[in-house]
C-alpha atoms as a PDB file:
ATOM      1  CA  MET A   1       3.840 -13.544   7.795  1.00  0.00           C
ATOM      2  CA  ARG A   2       6.016 -10.927   5.547  1.00  0.00           C
ATOM      3  CA  PHE A   3       4.752 -11.944   2.120  1.00  0.00           C
ATOM      4  CA  ARG A   4       0.444 -12.069   3.226  1.00  0.00           C
ATOM      5  CA  GLY A   5       0.285  -8.192   2.307  1.00  0.00           C
ATOM      6  CA  MET A   6       2.293  -8.830  -1.247  1.00  0.00           C
ATOM      7  CA  ALA A   7      -0.519 -11.572  -2.218  1.00  0.00           C
ATOM      8  CA  ALA A   8      -3.543  -9.581  -0.789  1.00  0.00           C
ATOM      9  CA  PHE A   9      -2.123  -6.439  -2.878  1.00  0.00           C
ATOM     10  CA  ALA A  10      -1.548  -8.955  -6.138  1.00  0.00           C
ATOM     11  CA  ARG A  11      -5.604  -9.836  -5.300  1.00  0.00           C
ATOM     12  CA  LEU A  12      -6.445  -6.114  -5.866  1.00  0.00           C
ATOM     13  CA  SER A  13      -7.913  -5.273  -8.984  1.00  0.00           C
ATOM     14  CA  TYR A  14      -5.643  -3.218 -11.535  1.00  0.00           C
ATOM     15  CA  SER A  15      -7.590   0.577 -10.525  1.00  0.00           C
ATOM     16  CA  ARG A  16      -7.048  -0.348  -6.645  1.00  0.00           C
ATOM     17  CA  ARG A  17      -3.580  -0.981  -6.813  1.00  0.00           C
ATOM     18  CA  ARG A  18      -2.934   1.818  -8.839  1.00  0.00           C
ATOM     19  CA  ALA A  19      -4.442   3.916  -6.244  1.00  0.00           C
ATOM     20  CA  HIS A  20      -2.227   2.547  -3.145  1.00  0.00           C
ATOM     21  CA  VAL A  21       0.724   3.171  -5.466  1.00  0.00           C
ATOM     22  CA  LEU A  22      -0.281   6.363  -6.750  1.00  0.00           C
ATOM     23  CA  ALA A  23      -0.815   7.491  -2.987  1.00  0.00           C
ATOM     24  CA  VAL A  24       2.473   6.370  -1.905  1.00  0.00           C
ATOM     25  CA  GLU A  25       4.398   8.254  -4.400  1.00  0.00           C
ATOM     26  CA  GLY A  26       2.420  11.122  -4.049  1.00  0.00           C
ATOM     27  CA  ALA A  27       4.162  11.974  -0.963  1.00  0.00           C
ATOM     28  CA  LYS A  28       5.996  14.959  -0.572  1.00  0.00           C
ATOM     29  CA  GLU A  29       7.911  13.803   2.669  1.00  0.00           C
ATOM     30  CA  ALA A  30       9.541  10.787   3.635  1.00  0.00           C
ATOM     31  CA  GLU A  31       7.707   9.942   6.661  1.00  0.00           C
ATOM     32  CA  THR A  32       4.552  10.550   5.195  1.00  0.00           C
ATOM     33  CA  ARG A  33       5.262   7.732   2.768  1.00  0.00           C
ATOM     34  CA  GLN A  34       6.421   5.519   5.215  1.00  0.00           C
ATOM     35  CA  ARG A  35       3.263   6.050   7.422  1.00  0.00           C
ATOM     36  CA  ARG A  36       0.495   5.555   3.863  1.00  0.00           C
ATOM     37  CA  VAL A  37       2.996   2.350   3.410  1.00  0.00           C
ATOM     38  CA  ALA A  38       2.503   1.108   6.376  1.00  0.00           C
ATOM     39  CA  ASP A  39      -1.197   2.390   6.487  1.00  0.00           C
ATOM     40  CA  THR A  40      -1.625   0.204   3.124  1.00  0.00           C
ATOM     41  CA  VAL A  41      -0.013  -2.584   4.865  1.00  0.00           C
ATOM     42  CA  ARG A  42      -2.386  -2.450   8.204  1.00  0.00           C
ATOM     43  CA  GLU A  43      -5.792  -2.414   5.663  1.00  0.00           C
ATOM     44  CA  LEU A  44      -4.347  -5.238   3.408  1.00  0.00           C
ATOM     45  CA  ARG A  45      -3.627  -7.492   6.364  1.00  0.00           C
ATOM     46  CA  GLY A  46      -7.212  -6.550   7.934  1.00  0.00           C
END
């Protein structure tokens, strides 16, 4: 389900959400950003 990852993200503490966002925003290359987003979603769906 598409929104399952979003629901899991919403349940995280503020600091954990911020850590994920900063990791994605900190990537210089588009491919790196895409990979980090995919890794985060995979982790949240666990």
